[in-house]
N, C-alpha and C. Protein backbone atom coordinates (compact mmCIF):
# COMPACT_ATOMS: atom_id res chain seq x y z
N MET A 1 0.78 -1.05 0.24
CA MET A 1 0.11 -0.02 0.02
C MET A 1 1.02 1.52 -0.09
N SER A 2 0.76 2.78 -0.73
CA SER A 2 1.18 3.42 -0.81
C SER A 2 0.71 4.79 0.07
N PRO A 3 1.15 5.77 0.94
CA PRO A 3 1.32 6.45 1.69
C PRO A 3 -0.31 7.25 0.71
N LEU A 4 -0.56 8.26 2.03
CA LEU A 4 -1.37 8.66 1.18
C LEU A 4 -1.06 9.77 1.11
N VAL A 5 -0.92 10.57 -0.10
CA VAL A 5 -1.24 11.83 -0.74
C VAL A 5 -2.30 12.91 -0.11
N ARG A 6 -1.47 13.49 0.27
CA ARG A 6 -2.52 15.24 0.79
C ARG A 6 -3.31 15.84 -0.23
N PHE A 7 -4.22 16.06 -0.17
CA PHE A 7 -5.32 16.63 -1.79
C PHE A 7 -4.64 18.22 -1.54
N PHE A 8 -4.82 18.55 -0.59
CA PHE A 8 -3.89 19.62 -0.20
C PHE A 8 -2.66 20.33 -0.23
N HIS A 9 -2.44 20.81 -0.04
CA HIS A 9 -0.16 21.23 0.12
C HIS A 9 -0.42 21.90 1.43
N LEU A 10 -0.58 21.65 2.60
CA LEU A 10 -0.09 22.77 3.80
C LEU A 10 0.93 22.51 4.44
N THR A 11 1.19 23.74 4.35
CA THR A 11 2.83 24.40 5.22
C THR A 11 2.59 23.19 7.02
N SER A 12 1.10 23.27 7.58
CA SER A 12 0.89 22.84 8.81
C SER A 12 -0.62 22.17 8.42
N THR A 13 0.37 21.48 9.23
CA THR A 13 -1.35 20.01 9.84
C THR A 13 -2.57 20.83 10.54
N PHE A 14 -1.80 21.64 11.27
CA PHE A 14 -2.85 21.81 12.43
C PHE A 14 -3.63 23.04 11.92
N PHE A 15 -4.80 23.41 12.12
CA PHE A 15 -5.69 24.87 11.73
C PHE A 15 -5.88 25.29 13.21
N GLY A 16 -4.78 26.48 13.93
CA GLY A 16 -4.67 27.39 14.98
C GLY A 16 -5.11 28.50 14.46
N LEU A 17 -5.20 29.56 16.12
CA LEU A 17 -4.53 30.88 15.70
C LEU A 17 -2.88 30.16 15.82
N THR A 18 -2.47 31.50 14.73
CA THR A 18 -0.75 32.08 14.77
C THR A 18 -0.94 32.45 15.67
N HIS A 19 1.13 33.05 16.08
CA HIS A 19 1.41 33.20 17.41
C HIS A 19 0.78 34.84 17.42
N GLU A 20 1.29 35.30 16.52
CA GLU A 20 0.73 36.71 16.45
C GLU A 20 -0.48 37.30 17.12
N TYR A 21 -1.77 36.34 16.38
CA TYR A 21 -2.62 36.56 16.40
C TYR A 21 -3.93 35.85 17.77
N ARG A 22 -2.90 35.34 18.72
CA ARG A 22 -2.85 34.97 19.85
C ARG A 22 -1.97 35.83 20.86
N ASN A 23 -1.87 36.37 20.84
CA ASN A 23 -0.87 38.48 20.88
C ASN A 23 -1.72 39.23 21.42
N TRP A 24 -2.23 39.50 19.86
CA TRP A 24 -2.94 40.40 19.39
C TRP A 24 -4.85 39.94 19.98
N LEU A 25 -5.27 38.36 20.33
CA LEU A 25 -6.66 38.99 21.15
C LEU A 25 -6.23 38.06 22.12
N GLU A 26 -5.59 38.74 22.72
CA GLU A 26 -4.96 38.94 24.34
C GLU A 26 -4.58 40.30 24.81
N GLU A 27 -3.73 40.73 23.78
CA GLU A 27 -4.41 42.32 24.17
C GLU A 27 -5.31 43.11 24.29
N GLU A 28 -6.40 42.87 23.69
CA GLU A 28 -7.73 42.93 23.23
C GLU A 28 -8.47 42.81 24.65
N PHE A 29 -8.71 41.55 24.82
CA PHE A 29 -9.57 41.26 26.30
C PHE A 29 -8.93 41.72 27.42
N PHE A 30 -7.00 41.82 27.03
CA PHE A 30 -6.24 42.98 28.68
C PHE A 30 -7.90 44.83 28.68
N VAL A 31 -7.11 44.67 27.57
CA VAL A 31 -8.14 46.38 27.44
C VAL A 31 -9.77 46.02 27.45
N CYS A 32 -10.45 45.36 27.73
CA CYS A 32 -12.08 45.31 27.88
C CYS A 32 -11.85 45.12 29.55
N VAL A 33 -10.73 44.35 29.79
CA VAL A 33 -10.90 43.77 30.73
C VAL A 33 -10.38 45.17 31.83
N LYS A 34 -9.35 45.37 31.30
CA LYS A 34 -9.55 47.35 32.82
C LYS A 34 -9.88 48.25 32.14
N HIS A 35 -10.27 48.69 31.18
CA HIS A 35 -10.61 49.35 30.64
C HIS A 35 -12.40 49.62 30.93
N ILE A 36 -13.07 48.84 29.93
CA ILE A 36 -14.14 48.44 30.42
C ILE A 36 -14.82 47.49 31.57
N GLY A 37 -14.21 46.79 32.31
CA GLY A 37 -14.44 46.12 33.47
C GLY A 37 -15.63 45.07 32.42
N TYR A 38 -15.22 44.41 31.50
CA TYR A 38 -15.54 42.62 31.44
C TYR A 38 -14.58 41.74 32.10
N SER A 39 -15.56 40.66 32.68
CA SER A 39 -14.83 39.47 33.06
C SER A 39 -14.60 38.58 31.99
N TYR A 40 -13.12 37.76 31.86
CA TYR A 40 -12.31 36.92 31.28
C TYR A 40 -13.45 36.42 30.48
N THR A 41 -14.16 35.02 31.41
CA THR A 41 -14.96 34.82 31.17
C THR A 41 -16.46 35.06 29.88
N ASP A 42 -16.73 36.30 30.04
CA ASP A 42 -17.80 36.95 29.92
C ASP A 42 -16.95 36.90 28.30
N LEU A 43 -16.34 37.79 28.60
CA LEU A 43 -14.72 38.02 26.81
C LEU A 43 -14.60 36.17 26.52
N LEU A 44 -14.51 35.31 26.36
CA LEU A 44 -14.68 33.96 26.07
C LEU A 44 -16.15 34.21 24.93
N LYS A 45 -17.03 33.62 26.04
CA LYS A 45 -18.17 34.10 25.69
C LYS A 45 -19.03 35.05 24.52
N MET A 46 -17.94 35.69 24.42
CA MET A 46 -18.68 37.14 23.62
C MET A 46 -18.90 37.18 22.22
N PRO A 47 -19.85 37.44 21.67
CA PRO A 47 -19.20 36.42 19.71
C PRO A 47 -18.33 38.82 19.77
N THR A 48 -17.28 38.10 18.43
CA THR A 48 -16.12 39.09 18.05
C THR A 48 -16.48 40.38 17.42
N PHE A 49 -17.27 40.25 16.51
CA PHE A 49 -17.72 41.13 16.50
C PHE A 49 -18.76 42.47 17.37
N SER A 50 -19.36 41.17 18.67
CA SER A 50 -19.77 42.88 20.17
C SER A 50 -18.01 42.82 20.43
N ARG A 51 -17.29 42.75 20.48
CA ARG A 51 -16.19 42.62 21.30
C ARG A 51 -15.56 43.73 20.69
N ARG A 52 -15.30 43.53 19.38
CA ARG A 52 -14.81 45.01 18.03
C ARG A 52 -16.10 46.15 18.69
N PHE A 53 -17.28 45.95 18.33
CA PHE A 53 -17.15 46.46 18.99
C PHE A 53 -17.94 47.73 19.64
N GLN A 54 -17.39 47.26 21.17
CA GLN A 54 -17.38 48.23 22.20
C GLN A 54 -15.72 48.72 22.54
N LEU A 55 -14.41 47.33 22.08
CA LEU A 55 -13.62 48.43 21.92
C LEU A 55 -13.42 49.98 20.87
N HIS A 56 -14.36 49.92 19.84
CA HIS A 56 -14.70 50.51 19.45
C HIS A 56 -15.03 52.01 19.79
N LEU A 57 -16.27 51.86 20.15
CA LEU A 57 -17.01 52.57 20.99
C LEU A 57 -15.86 53.49 22.41
N LEU A 58 -14.87 52.52 23.04
CA LEU A 58 -13.99 53.21 23.74
C LEU A 58 -13.32 54.31 23.28
N MET A 59 -12.46 53.64 21.80
CA MET A 59 -11.51 54.26 21.82
C MET A 59 -12.85 55.70 20.77
N ASN A 60 -13.49 55.15 20.62
CA ASN A 60 -13.63 57.06 19.94
C ASN A 60 -14.42 57.72 20.78
N GLU A 61 -14.72 57.57 22.10
CA GLU A 61 -14.73 58.34 23.95
C GLU A 61 -13.80 58.79 23.82
N ASN A 62 -12.07 57.91 24.29
CA ASN A 62 -11.50 59.10 24.29
C ASN A 62 -10.32 59.21 23.65
N LYS A 63 -10.96 59.47 22.37
CA LYS A 63 -10.48 60.31 21.17
C LYS A 63 -11.72 61.26 21.53
N ALA A 64 -12.48 61.50 21.53
CA ALA A 64 -13.32 63.20 21.45
C ALA A 64 -13.14 63.93 22.92
N ARG A 65 -12.34 63.07 24.57
CA ARG A 65 -12.41 63.20 25.59
C ARG A 65 -10.48 63.87 24.79
N GLN A 66 -10.02 63.41 25.00
CA GLN A 66 -8.70 64.27 24.36
C GLN A 66 -8.28 65.31 23.18
N GLU A 67 -9.69 65.40 22.88
CA GLU A 67 -9.29 66.15 22.05
C GLU A 67 -10.16 67.67 22.90
N TYR A 68 -11.41 67.64 23.73
CA TYR A 68 -12.07 68.49 24.40
C TYR A 68 -10.87 68.78 24.63
N TYR A 69 -9.69 67.87 25.61
CA TYR A 69 -8.68 68.14 26.90
C TYR A 69 -8.15 69.62 25.54
N ASP A 70 -6.90 69.22 24.56
CA ASP A 70 -6.44 69.59 23.91
C ASP A 70 -7.06 70.97 23.72
N GLU A 71 -8.76 70.38 23.07
CA GLU A 71 -8.98 72.16 22.43
C GLU A 71 -9.04 74.12 23.92
N LYS A 72 -9.10 72.64 25.57
CA LYS A 72 -9.75 73.44 26.12
C LYS A 72 -8.05 74.38 27.13
N SER A 73 -7.12 73.42 26.24
CA SER A 73 -5.51 73.48 27.37
C SER A 73 -5.95 74.70 26.53
N LYS A 74 -6.01 74.58 24.87
CA LYS A 74 -5.44 75.53 24.21
C LYS A 74 -6.14 76.74 23.86
N SER A 75 -7.49 77.33 24.70
CA SER A 75 -8.04 78.18 24.84
C SER A 75 -7.87 78.74 26.18
N ALA A 76 -7.35 78.33 26.43
CA ALA A 76 -6.69 78.98 28.39
C ALA A 76 -5.21 78.94 28.55
N SER A 77 -4.87 78.53 27.18
CA SER A 77 -3.47 78.80 27.28
C SER A 77 -3.37 80.55 26.29
N SER A 78 -4.53 80.56 25.75
CA SER A 78 -3.71 81.30 23.95
C SER A 78 -4.94 83.30 25.12
N ALA A 79 -6.24 82.86 26.06
CA ALA A 79 -6.76 83.35 26.79
C ALA A 79 -5.35 84.54 27.15
N LYS A 80 -6.03 85.33 27.07
CA LYS A 80 -5.34 87.02 27.80
C LYS A 80 -6.05 87.86 28.82
N GLY A 81 -5.91 88.92 29.90
CA GLY A 81 -6.14 89.86 30.57
C GLY A 81 -6.81 90.67 30.32
N THR A 82 -7.73 90.88 30.89
CA THR A 82 -8.04 92.27 30.27
C THR A 82 -8.46 93.30 31.57
N ARG A 83 -6.49 93.34 31.47
CA ARG A 83 -6.72 94.56 32.76
C ARG A 83 -6.28 95.72 31.86
N THR A 84 -6.42 96.93 32.09
CA THR A 84 -6.20 98.34 31.82
C THR A 84 -4.91 99.16 32.39
N THR A 85 -5.62 98.64 33.88
CA THR A 85 -3.87 99.80 34.73
C THR A 85 -3.12 98.97 35.68
N THR A 86 -3.14 99.30 35.05
CA THR A 86 -1.19 98.63 36.48
C THR A 86 -0.93 99.42 38.68
N VAL A 87 -1.02 98.83 39.01
CA VAL A 87 -1.07 99.00 40.18
C VAL A 87 0.13 98.55 41.15
N THR A 88 1.42 99.73 41.59
CA THR A 88 2.69 99.49 42.39
C THR A 88 2.02 98.73 43.63
N GLY A 89 3.21 98.35 43.82
CA GLY A 89 4.23 97.89 45.17
C GLY A 89 3.12 98.45 46.58
N GLU A 90 3.18 100.39 46.01
CA GLU A 90 3.00 101.13 47.40
C GLU A 90 1.68 100.91 47.52
N ALA A 91 1.18 101.65 45.59
CA ALA A 91 0.14 101.54 46.52
C ALA A 91 -0.60 100.07 46.71
N LEU A 92 -0.65 99.16 46.19
CA LEU A 92 -1.69 98.46 46.77
C LEU A 92 -1.86 97.69 48.29
N LYS A 93 -0.39 97.11 48.63
CA LYS A 93 -0.40 97.78 50.27
C LYS A 93 -1.23 98.99 50.70
N SER A 94 -1.22 100.04 50.47
CA SER A 94 -1.69 101.62 50.89
C SER A 94 -3.59 100.63 51.33
N LYS A 95 -3.40 99.80 50.19
CA LYS A 95 -4.95 99.46 49.69
C LYS A 95 -5.55 98.32 50.76
N LEU A 96 -4.28 98.46 50.91
CA LEU A 96 -4.82 97.40 51.72
C LEU A 96 -5.03 97.33 52.90
N ARG A 97 -4.23 98.56 53.67
CA ARG A 97 -4.32 99.41 54.46
C ARG A 97 -5.15 99.55 55.63
N SER A 98 -5.54 101.12 54.73
CA SER A 98 -7.17 101.12 54.10
C SER A 98 -8.69 100.43 55.02
N GLY A 99 -8.45 99.32 53.84
CA GLY A 99 -9.02 98.54 53.57
C GLY A 99 -10.23 98.61 52.73
N GLU A 100 -9.25 99.07 51.40
CA GLU A 100 -10.71 99.41 49.75
C GLU A 100 -10.42 97.90 49.91
N ILE A 101 -8.99 96.63 50.27
CA ILE A 101 -9.14 95.60 49.90
C ILE A 101 -8.83 94.53 50.61
N THR A 102 -9.91 93.51 50.48
CA THR A 102 -10.11 92.33 51.42
C THR A 102 -9.29 91.65 51.17
N GLY A 103 -8.43 90.92 52.14
CA GLY A 103 -7.61 90.18 52.01
C GLY A 103 -8.34 88.07 52.27
């Protein structure tokens, strides 16, 4: 009897996750557990499209929050006061002593 000839000439005889995909999957699980609050067993039961959708929402929320803080810090750094007069140190001291300004 002759040995069996493979119908499909594959380099691997095992159909499974590659090492790179497994690392990526574990990173997804880590983010979901840490930032969303899912348990590991919930993630194993969750469909892939649902998990990816939740991650997509989290990324959009973080992006919007970052843009808000960037805009807020930009407007705060470019804001200027509207002071029209200058006050010397001696004038300030005399106003404090006379009670014009309360500390």
